[in-house]
Amino acid sequence: MEKIVEIAVLFDYYGKLLSEKQYKVVDQYCNEDLSLREIAELNGISKQGISDILSRAEKKLRFYEDELKLISKFEKINSSLREINLLIEKSKIEDSSLQSILDIIQKKNNEIIENDL
């Protein structure tokens, strides 16, 4: 994943945990697609200062994901739900044992409910 996209995803999940200044700078960088120079001019800070703020904010965002794993959990849940949808579609198309498919769907749902992904 391109670094800016990765930071933007982390920012979507954990941005509100940043300081107000970090939040503003990361928002301008990721969502408004401004250059470091443009952000520096808007905030009255040097380009190096903006770079430092972004670096510290990125470290914080990565720390939050390492500790909380919200993105990782979401991706696992999403993957399981996609598998369930494929099984449902398969059951509509193929002449397979409904009991077997229901057992698999139930297992996947239990994984989601119990967070044992």
C-alpha atoms as a PDB file:
ATOM      1  CA  MET A   1       0.000   0.000   0.000  1.00  0.00           C
ATOM      2  CA  GLU A   2       1.314   3.444  -0.848  1.00  0.00           C
ATOM      3  CA  LYS A   3       2.540   5.173   2.305  1.00  0.00           C
ATOM      4  CA  ILE A   4       0.157   8.137   2.097  1.00  0.00           C
ATOM      5  CA  VAL A   5      -2.815   5.794   1.654  1.00  0.00           C
ATOM      6  CA  GLU A   6      -1.657   3.726   4.611  1.00  0.00           C
ATOM      7  CA  ILE A   7      -1.359   6.855   6.767  1.00  0.00           C
ATOM      8  CA  ALA A   8      -4.797   8.009   5.588  1.00  0.00           C
ATOM      9  CA  VAL A   9      -6.353   4.695   6.653  1.00  0.00           C
ATOM     10  CA  LEU A  10      -4.642   4.881  10.041  1.00  0.00           C
ATOM     11  CA  PHE A  11      -5.808   8.495  10.321  1.00  0.00           C
ATOM     12  CA  ASP A  12      -9.416   7.481   9.597  1.00  0.00           C
ATOM     13  CA  TYR A  13      -9.330   5.047  12.513  1.00  0.00           C
ATOM     14  CA  TYR A  14      -7.149   6.854  15.033  1.00  0.00           C
ATOM     15  CA  GLY A  15      -6.924  10.492  13.925  1.00  0.00           C
ATOM     16  CA  LYS A  16      -9.014  11.812  16.807  1.00  0.00           C
ATOM     17  CA  LEU A  17      -6.381  10.462  19.219  1.00  0.00           C
ATOM     18  CA  LEU A  18      -3.746  12.856  17.835  1.00  0.00           C
ATOM     19  CA  SER A  19      -3.086  16.317  19.191  1.00  0.00           C
ATOM     20  CA  GLU A  20      -5.064  19.106  17.549  1.00  0.00           C
ATOM     21  CA  LYS A  21      -2.000  20.310  15.609  1.00  0.00           C
ATOM     22  CA  GLN A  22      -1.068  16.795  14.472  1.00  0.00           C
ATOM     23  CA  TYR A  23      -4.665  16.144  13.429  1.00  0.00           C
ATOM     24  CA  LYS A  24      -4.787  19.326  11.355  1.00  0.00           C
ATOM     25  CA  VAL A  25      -1.452  18.678   9.623  1.00  0.00           C
ATOM     26  CA  VAL A  26      -2.188  15.018   8.825  1.00  0.00           C
ATOM     27  CA  ASP A  27      -5.649  15.995   7.567  1.00  0.00           C
ATOM     28  CA  GLN A  28      -4.134  18.607   5.254  1.00  0.00           C
ATOM     29  CA  TYR A  29      -1.514  16.148   4.054  1.00  0.00           C
ATOM     30  CA  CYS A  30      -3.755  13.104   3.506  1.00  0.00           C
ATOM     31  CA  ASN A  31      -7.224  14.435   2.826  1.00  0.00           C
ATOM     32  CA  GLU A  32      -6.536  17.810   1.269  1.00  0.00           C
ATOM     33  CA  ASP A  33      -3.486  16.488  -0.624  1.00  0.00           C
ATOM     34  CA  LEU A  34      -1.382  19.551   0.198  1.00  0.00           C
ATOM     35  CA  SER A  35       2.396  19.567  -0.137  1.00  0.00           C
ATOM     36  CA  LEU A  36       4.640  20.048   2.877  1.00  0.00           C
ATOM     37  CA  ARG A  37       5.409  23.555   1.654  1.00  0.00           C
ATOM     38  CA  GLU A  38       1.718  24.432   1.359  1.00  0.00           C
ATOM     39  CA  ILE A  39       0.974  23.049   4.819  1.00  0.00           C
ATOM     40  CA  ALA A  40       3.928  24.959   6.254  1.00  0.00           C
ATOM     41  CA  GLU A  41       2.683  28.220   4.740  1.00  0.00           C
ATOM     42  CA  LEU A  42      -0.878  27.674   5.993  1.00  0.00           C
ATOM     43  CA  ASN A  43       0.300  26.909   9.524  1.00  0.00           C
ATOM     44  CA  GLY A  44       3.157  29.397   9.804  1.00  0.00           C
ATOM     45  CA  ILE A  45       5.640  26.606  10.488  1.00  0.00           C
ATOM     46  CA  SER A  46       8.767  25.601   8.602  1.00  0.00           C
ATOM     47  CA  LYS A  47       8.639  22.760   6.114  1.00  0.00           C
ATOM     48  CA  GLN A  48      10.964  20.799   8.440  1.00  0.00           C
ATOM     49  CA  GLY A  49       8.576  21.462  11.335  1.00  0.00           C
ATOM     50  CA  ILE A  50       5.698  20.035   9.309  1.00  0.00           C
ATOM     51  CA  SER A  51       7.806  17.021   8.404  1.00  0.00           C
ATOM     52  CA  ASP A  52       8.559  16.447  12.096  1.00  0.00           C
ATOM     53  CA  ILE A  53       4.872  16.748  13.042  1.00  0.00           C
ATOM     54  CA  LEU A  54       3.916  14.238  10.329  1.00  0.00           C
ATOM     55  CA  SER A  55       6.629  11.836  11.439  1.00  0.00           C
ATOM     56  CA  ARG A  56       5.549  11.945  15.096  1.00  0.00           C
ATOM     57  CA  ALA A  57       1.881  11.628  14.133  1.00  0.00           C
ATOM     58  CA  GLU A  58       2.620   8.632  11.909  1.00  0.00           C
ATOM     59  CA  LYS A  59       4.489   6.922  14.751  1.00  0.00           C
ATOM     60  CA  LYS A  60       1.527   7.546  17.059  1.00  0.00           C
ATOM     61  CA  LEU A  61      -0.958   6.196  14.518  1.00  0.00           C
ATOM     62  CA  ARG A  62       1.119   3.053  13.979  1.00  0.00           C
ATOM     63  CA  PHE A  63       1.450   2.611  17.754  1.00  0.00           C
ATOM     64  CA  TYR A  64      -2.333   2.767  18.159  1.00  0.00           C
ATOM     65  CA  GLU A  65      -2.826   0.124  15.467  1.00  0.00           C
ATOM     66  CA  ASP A  66      -0.120  -2.087  16.995  1.00  0.00           C
ATOM     67  CA  GLU A  67      -1.876  -1.887  20.361  1.00  0.00           C
ATOM     68  CA  LEU A  68      -5.563  -1.846  19.378  1.00  0.00           C
ATOM     69  CA  LYS A  69      -5.461  -3.676  16.029  1.00  0.00           C
ATOM     70  CA  LEU A  70      -8.774  -2.174  14.888  1.00  0.00           C
ATOM     71  CA  ILE A  71      -7.823  -2.183  11.215  1.00  0.00           C
ATOM     72  CA  SER A  72      -6.534  -5.737  11.395  1.00  0.00           C
ATOM     73  CA  LYS A  73      -9.709  -6.911  13.141  1.00  0.00           C
ATOM     74  CA  PHE A  74     -11.895  -5.114  10.614  1.00  0.00           C
ATOM     75  CA  GLU A  75     -10.037  -6.729   7.710  1.00  0.00           C
ATOM     76  CA  LYS A  76     -10.428 -10.207   9.249  1.00  0.00           C
ATOM     77  CA  ILE A  77     -14.140  -9.680   9.868  1.00  0.00           C
ATOM     78  CA  ASN A  78     -14.586  -8.335   6.358  1.00  0.00           C
ATOM     79  CA  SER A  79     -12.787 -11.362   4.931  1.00  0.00           C
ATOM     80  CA  SER A  80     -14.962 -13.775   6.909  1.00  0.00           C
ATOM     81  CA  LEU A  81     -18.123 -12.010   5.820  1.00  0.00           C
ATOM     82  CA  ARG A  82     -17.010 -12.226   2.194  1.00  0.00           C
ATOM     83  CA  GLU A  83     -16.443 -15.968   2.633  1.00  0.00           C
ATOM     84  CA  ILE A  84     -19.933 -16.308   4.096  1.00  0.00           C
ATOM     85  CA  ASN A  85     -21.408 -14.442   1.150  1.00  0.00           C
ATOM     86  CA  LEU A  86     -19.585 -16.714  -1.287  1.00  0.00           C
ATOM     87  CA  LEU A  87     -20.921 -19.773   0.520  1.00  0.00           C
ATOM     88  CA  ILE A  88     -24.430 -18.399   0.353  1.00  0.00           C
ATOM     89  CA  GLU A  89     -24.043 -17.745  -3.370  1.00  0.00           C
ATOM     90  CA  LYS A  90     -22.617 -21.234  -3.837  1.00  0.00           C
ATOM     91  CA  SER A  91     -25.606 -22.740  -2.057  1.00  0.00           C
ATOM     92  CA  LYS A  92     -27.930 -20.922  -4.434  1.00  0.00           C
ATOM     93  CA  ILE A  93     -26.096 -22.185  -7.523  1.00  0.00           C
ATOM     94  CA  GLU A  94     -24.906 -25.683  -6.679  1.00  0.00           C
ATOM     95  CA  ASP A  95     -26.830 -28.678  -5.536  1.00  0.00           C
ATOM     96  CA  SER A  96     -24.892 -29.090  -2.332  1.00  0.00           C
ATOM     97  CA  SER A  97     -25.834 -30.219   1.116  1.00  0.00           C
ATOM     98  CA  LEU A  98     -27.568 -27.338   2.835  1.00  0.00           C
ATOM     99  CA  GLN A  99     -26.631 -28.716   6.245  1.00  0.00           C
ATOM    100  CA  SER A 100     -22.921 -28.642   5.397  1.00  0.00           C
ATOM    101  CA  ILE A 101     -23.091 -25.053   4.186  1.00  0.00           C
ATOM    102  CA  LEU A 102     -25.078 -23.968   7.216  1.00  0.00           C
ATOM    103  CA  ASP A 103     -22.473 -25.577   9.497  1.00  0.00           C
ATOM    104  CA  ILE A 104     -19.689 -23.641   7.785  1.00  0.00           C
ATOM    105  CA  ILE A 105     -21.662 -20.383   7.927  1.00  0.00           C
ATOM    106  CA  GLN A 106     -22.389 -20.940  11.599  1.00  0.00           C
ATOM    107  CA  LYS A 107     -18.702 -21.574  12.304  1.00  0.00           C
ATOM    108  CA  LYS A 108     -17.680 -18.364  10.519  1.00  0.00           C
ATOM    109  CA  ASN A 109     -20.313 -16.381  12.371  1.00  0.00           C
ATOM    110  CA  ASN A 110     -19.122 -17.810  15.689  1.00  0.00           C
ATOM    111  CA  GLU A 111     -15.557 -16.778  14.831  1.00  0.00           C
ATOM    112  CA  ILE A 112     -16.747 -13.225  14.261  1.00  0.00           C
ATOM    113  CA  ILE A 113     -18.814 -13.154  17.442  1.00  0.00           C
ATOM    114  CA  GLU A 114     -16.025 -14.600  19.592  1.00  0.00           C
ATOM    115  CA  ASN A 115     -13.236 -12.543  17.936  1.00  0.00           C
ATOM    116  CA  ASP A 116     -11.278 -15.751  17.373  1.00  0.00           C
ATOM    117  CA  LEU A 117     -10.394 -14.773  13.826  1.00  0.00           C
END
